[in-house]
Amino acid sequence: MNKKVTAIFDGNVLHPDAPLDLKPNTRYVITIQELSEPPVVGDAWDVLEAMTGTIEAPQDWSSEHDHYLYGTPKRETEGAE
């Protein structure tokens, strides 16, 4: 059984971020790896707001997403030369 658990260390004890479904009085092997970024707290809108402006993309990314994702031809747009 492998589980990935995030926890906070208060200087003495590890406190899991969520309840653990583990059998009491059982020995477990724990591997410690520091997270490079703190976990995002909030709902999906908070996550999206935090990511706003962090990805560089062409100006027409939203209107031509099929072209950039799937390689379809670009659509004819008004005012195109």
N, C-alpha and C. Protein backbone atom coordinates (compact mmCIF):
# COMPACT_ATOMS: atom_id res chain seq x y z
N MET A 1 0.84 -1.17 0.00
CA MET A 1 0.00 0.00 0.00
C MET A 1 0.89 1.25 0.00
N ASN A 2 0.67 2.15 -0.93
CA ASN A 2 1.36 3.43 -0.96
C ASN A 2 0.33 4.54 -0.88
N LYS A 3 0.59 5.53 -0.04
CA LYS A 3 -0.28 6.69 0.08
C LYS A 3 0.58 7.93 0.04
N LYS A 4 0.06 8.98 -0.56
CA LYS A 4 0.74 10.27 -0.55
C LYS A 4 -0.03 11.17 0.41
N VAL A 5 0.68 11.67 1.42
CA VAL A 5 0.06 12.48 2.45
C VAL A 5 0.87 13.76 2.62
N THR A 6 0.20 14.89 2.71
CA THR A 6 0.91 16.12 3.04
C THR A 6 0.68 16.41 4.51
N ALA A 7 1.69 16.99 5.14
CA ALA A 7 1.62 17.26 6.57
C ALA A 7 2.44 18.49 6.90
N ILE A 8 2.18 19.05 8.05
CA ILE A 8 2.95 20.19 8.55
C ILE A 8 3.70 19.72 9.79
N PHE A 9 4.98 20.07 9.86
CA PHE A 9 5.81 19.72 11.01
C PHE A 9 5.90 20.93 11.93
N ASP A 10 5.47 20.79 13.18
CA ASP A 10 5.45 21.92 14.11
C ASP A 10 6.73 22.04 14.93
N GLY A 11 7.72 21.24 14.60
CA GLY A 11 8.97 21.24 15.35
C GLY A 11 9.12 19.98 16.19
N ASN A 12 8.00 19.32 16.44
CA ASN A 12 8.01 18.09 17.24
C ASN A 12 7.24 16.95 16.57
N VAL A 13 6.12 17.29 15.96
CA VAL A 13 5.20 16.28 15.46
C VAL A 13 4.74 16.64 14.05
N LEU A 14 4.54 15.62 13.22
CA LEU A 14 3.93 15.83 11.89
C LEU A 14 2.42 15.81 12.05
N HIS A 15 1.76 16.83 11.49
CA HIS A 15 0.30 16.91 11.53
C HIS A 15 -0.22 16.75 10.10
N PRO A 16 -0.89 15.63 9.78
CA PRO A 16 -1.42 15.44 8.42
C PRO A 16 -2.48 16.50 8.09
N ASP A 17 -2.54 16.88 6.80
CA ASP A 17 -3.52 17.86 6.35
C ASP A 17 -4.93 17.28 6.30
N ALA A 18 -5.05 15.96 6.29
CA ALA A 18 -6.35 15.30 6.24
C ALA A 18 -6.29 14.06 7.12
N PRO A 19 -7.44 13.56 7.58
CA PRO A 19 -7.44 12.34 8.39
C PRO A 19 -6.83 11.17 7.61
N LEU A 20 -6.16 10.29 8.33
CA LEU A 20 -5.52 9.13 7.72
C LEU A 20 -6.29 7.87 8.05
N ASP A 21 -6.47 7.03 7.05
CA ASP A 21 -7.14 5.74 7.25
C ASP A 21 -6.05 4.68 7.45
N LEU A 22 -5.41 4.73 8.63
CA LEU A 22 -4.33 3.80 8.94
C LEU A 22 -4.69 3.00 10.18
N LYS A 23 -4.17 1.78 10.21
CA LYS A 23 -4.42 0.89 11.34
C LYS A 23 -3.59 1.33 12.54
N PRO A 24 -4.22 1.56 13.70
CA PRO A 24 -3.48 1.99 14.89
C PRO A 24 -2.47 0.93 15.34
N ASN A 25 -1.42 1.39 16.01
CA ASN A 25 -0.38 0.51 16.57
C ASN A 25 0.30 -0.34 15.51
N THR A 26 0.42 0.20 14.31
CA THR A 26 1.10 -0.47 13.21
C THR A 26 2.27 0.39 12.78
N ARG A 27 3.40 -0.23 12.49
CA ARG A 27 4.59 0.51 12.06
C ARG A 27 4.48 0.80 10.57
N TYR A 28 4.84 2.01 10.18
CA TYR A 28 4.83 2.44 8.79
C TYR A 28 6.17 3.06 8.45
N VAL A 29 6.57 2.97 7.19
CA VAL A 29 7.77 3.64 6.70
C VAL A 29 7.32 4.97 6.11
N ILE A 30 7.97 6.06 6.49
CA ILE A 30 7.60 7.39 6.03
C ILE A 30 8.78 7.98 5.27
N THR A 31 8.53 8.46 4.07
CA THR A 31 9.54 9.16 3.29
C THR A 31 9.21 10.64 3.33
N ILE A 32 10.18 11.47 3.66
CA ILE A 32 9.95 12.91 3.80
C ILE A 32 10.50 13.63 2.57
N GLN A 33 9.68 14.46 1.96
CA GLN A 33 10.09 15.29 0.82
C GLN A 33 9.46 16.65 1.00
N GLU A 34 10.28 17.70 1.00
CA GLU A 34 9.76 19.06 1.18
C GLU A 34 9.03 19.51 -0.08
N LEU A 35 7.86 20.10 0.08
CA LEU A 35 7.12 20.64 -1.05
C LEU A 35 7.72 21.98 -1.43
N SER A 36 7.91 22.19 -2.73
CA SER A 36 8.49 23.46 -3.18
C SER A 36 7.49 24.60 -3.11
N GLU A 37 6.22 24.29 -3.22
CA GLU A 37 5.18 25.31 -3.16
C GLU A 37 4.17 24.93 -2.08
N PRO A 38 3.68 25.90 -1.34
CA PRO A 38 2.66 25.57 -0.33
C PRO A 38 1.36 25.13 -1.02
N PRO A 39 0.59 24.27 -0.39
CA PRO A 39 -0.67 23.85 -1.00
C PRO A 39 -1.61 25.05 -1.16
N VAL A 40 -2.37 25.04 -2.23
CA VAL A 40 -3.32 26.12 -2.49
C VAL A 40 -4.56 25.88 -1.65
N VAL A 41 -4.97 26.91 -0.94
CA VAL A 41 -6.17 26.81 -0.12
C VAL A 41 -7.27 27.60 -0.81
N GLY A 42 -8.45 27.02 -0.92
CA GLY A 42 -9.57 27.71 -1.55
C GLY A 42 -10.22 26.82 -2.59
N ASP A 43 -11.15 27.41 -3.33
CA ASP A 43 -11.86 26.65 -4.35
C ASP A 43 -11.18 26.83 -5.70
N ALA A 44 -11.77 26.25 -6.73
CA ALA A 44 -11.19 26.29 -8.08
C ALA A 44 -11.02 27.71 -8.58
N TRP A 45 -11.93 28.60 -8.23
CA TRP A 45 -11.82 29.99 -8.69
C TRP A 45 -10.59 30.66 -8.08
N ASP A 46 -10.29 30.35 -6.81
CA ASP A 46 -9.09 30.90 -6.17
C ASP A 46 -7.82 30.40 -6.86
N VAL A 47 -7.83 29.12 -7.23
CA VAL A 47 -6.67 28.54 -7.93
C VAL A 47 -6.50 29.22 -9.28
N LEU A 48 -7.58 29.38 -10.04
CA LEU A 48 -7.50 30.03 -11.35
C LEU A 48 -7.05 31.48 -11.22
N GLU A 49 -7.56 32.18 -10.22
CA GLU A 49 -7.15 33.58 -10.02
C GLU A 49 -5.66 33.66 -9.70
N ALA A 50 -5.16 32.71 -8.92
CA ALA A 50 -3.73 32.70 -8.58
C ALA A 50 -2.87 32.45 -9.81
N MET A 51 -3.41 31.74 -10.80
CA MET A 51 -2.65 31.41 -12.01
C MET A 51 -2.78 32.48 -13.09
N THR A 52 -3.67 33.44 -12.93
CA THR A 52 -3.90 34.46 -13.94
C THR A 52 -2.62 35.21 -14.25
N GLY A 53 -2.32 35.28 -15.55
CA GLY A 53 -1.14 36.01 -16.00
C GLY A 53 0.16 35.26 -15.86
N THR A 54 0.12 33.99 -15.49
CA THR A 54 1.35 33.24 -15.31
C THR A 54 1.74 32.41 -16.53
N ILE A 55 0.85 32.32 -17.51
CA ILE A 55 1.12 31.52 -18.70
C ILE A 55 1.14 32.45 -19.91
N GLU A 56 2.24 32.39 -20.68
CA GLU A 56 2.33 33.21 -21.87
C GLU A 56 1.69 32.46 -23.04
N ALA A 57 0.87 33.16 -23.80
CA ALA A 57 0.18 32.55 -24.93
C ALA A 57 -0.08 33.62 -25.97
N PRO A 58 -0.37 33.22 -27.21
CA PRO A 58 -0.70 34.19 -28.25
C PRO A 58 -1.95 34.99 -27.89
N GLN A 59 -2.09 36.18 -28.47
CA GLN A 59 -3.24 37.04 -28.19
C GLN A 59 -4.58 36.37 -28.51
N ASP A 60 -4.60 35.52 -29.54
CA ASP A 60 -5.86 34.88 -29.96
C ASP A 60 -6.04 33.49 -29.34
N TRP A 61 -5.38 33.24 -28.25
CA TRP A 61 -5.43 31.92 -27.62
C TRP A 61 -6.86 31.47 -27.33
N SER A 62 -7.67 32.33 -26.75
CA SER A 62 -9.03 31.91 -26.37
C SER A 62 -9.94 31.71 -27.58
N SER A 63 -9.81 32.53 -28.60
CA SER A 63 -10.69 32.39 -29.76
C SER A 63 -10.20 31.31 -30.73
N GLU A 64 -8.92 30.97 -30.67
CA GLU A 64 -8.35 29.97 -31.58
C GLU A 64 -7.80 28.75 -30.84
N HIS A 65 -8.44 28.41 -29.71
CA HIS A 65 -7.91 27.31 -28.91
C HIS A 65 -7.86 25.98 -29.67
N ASP A 66 -8.83 25.73 -30.56
CA ASP A 66 -8.79 24.48 -31.34
C ASP A 66 -7.54 24.43 -32.23
N HIS A 67 -7.17 25.57 -32.78
CA HIS A 67 -5.97 25.63 -33.63
C HIS A 67 -4.72 25.27 -32.81
N TYR A 68 -4.59 25.87 -31.62
CA TYR A 68 -3.39 25.65 -30.81
C TYR A 68 -3.39 24.27 -30.13
N LEU A 69 -4.56 23.76 -29.78
CA LEU A 69 -4.62 22.45 -29.11
C LEU A 69 -4.60 21.28 -30.09
N TYR A 70 -5.35 21.41 -31.20
CA TYR A 70 -5.55 20.27 -32.09
C TYR A 70 -5.01 20.47 -33.50
N GLY A 71 -4.49 21.66 -33.80
CA GLY A 71 -3.93 21.91 -35.12
C GLY A 71 -4.95 22.19 -36.22
N THR A 72 -6.18 22.49 -35.85
CA THR A 72 -7.18 22.81 -36.87
C THR A 72 -6.84 24.16 -37.49
N PRO A 73 -7.30 24.41 -38.72
CA PRO A 73 -7.01 25.71 -39.34
C PRO A 73 -7.64 26.84 -38.53
N LYS A 74 -7.00 28.00 -38.55
CA LYS A 74 -7.57 29.16 -37.86
C LYS A 74 -8.84 29.59 -38.56
N ARG A 75 -9.77 30.13 -37.77
CA ARG A 75 -11.03 30.60 -38.33
C ARG A 75 -10.84 31.95 -38.99
N GLU A 76 -11.72 32.26 -39.97
CA GLU A 76 -11.71 33.57 -40.59
C GLU A 76 -12.22 34.57 -39.57
N THR A 77 -11.51 35.67 -39.37
CA THR A 77 -11.97 36.68 -38.41
C THR A 77 -12.26 37.99 -39.15
N GLU A 78 -13.18 38.77 -38.58
CA GLU A 78 -13.50 40.07 -39.17
C GLU A 78 -12.30 40.97 -39.10
N GLY A 79 -12.06 41.75 -40.14
CA GLY A 79 -10.96 42.70 -40.16
C GLY A 79 -9.61 42.07 -40.46
N ALA A 80 -9.60 40.78 -40.78
CA ALA A 80 -8.33 40.12 -41.10
C ALA A 80 -7.86 40.60 -42.46
N GLU A 81 -6.57 40.79 -42.60
CA GLU A 81 -6.02 41.28 -43.86
C GLU A 81 -5.66 40.15 -44.78
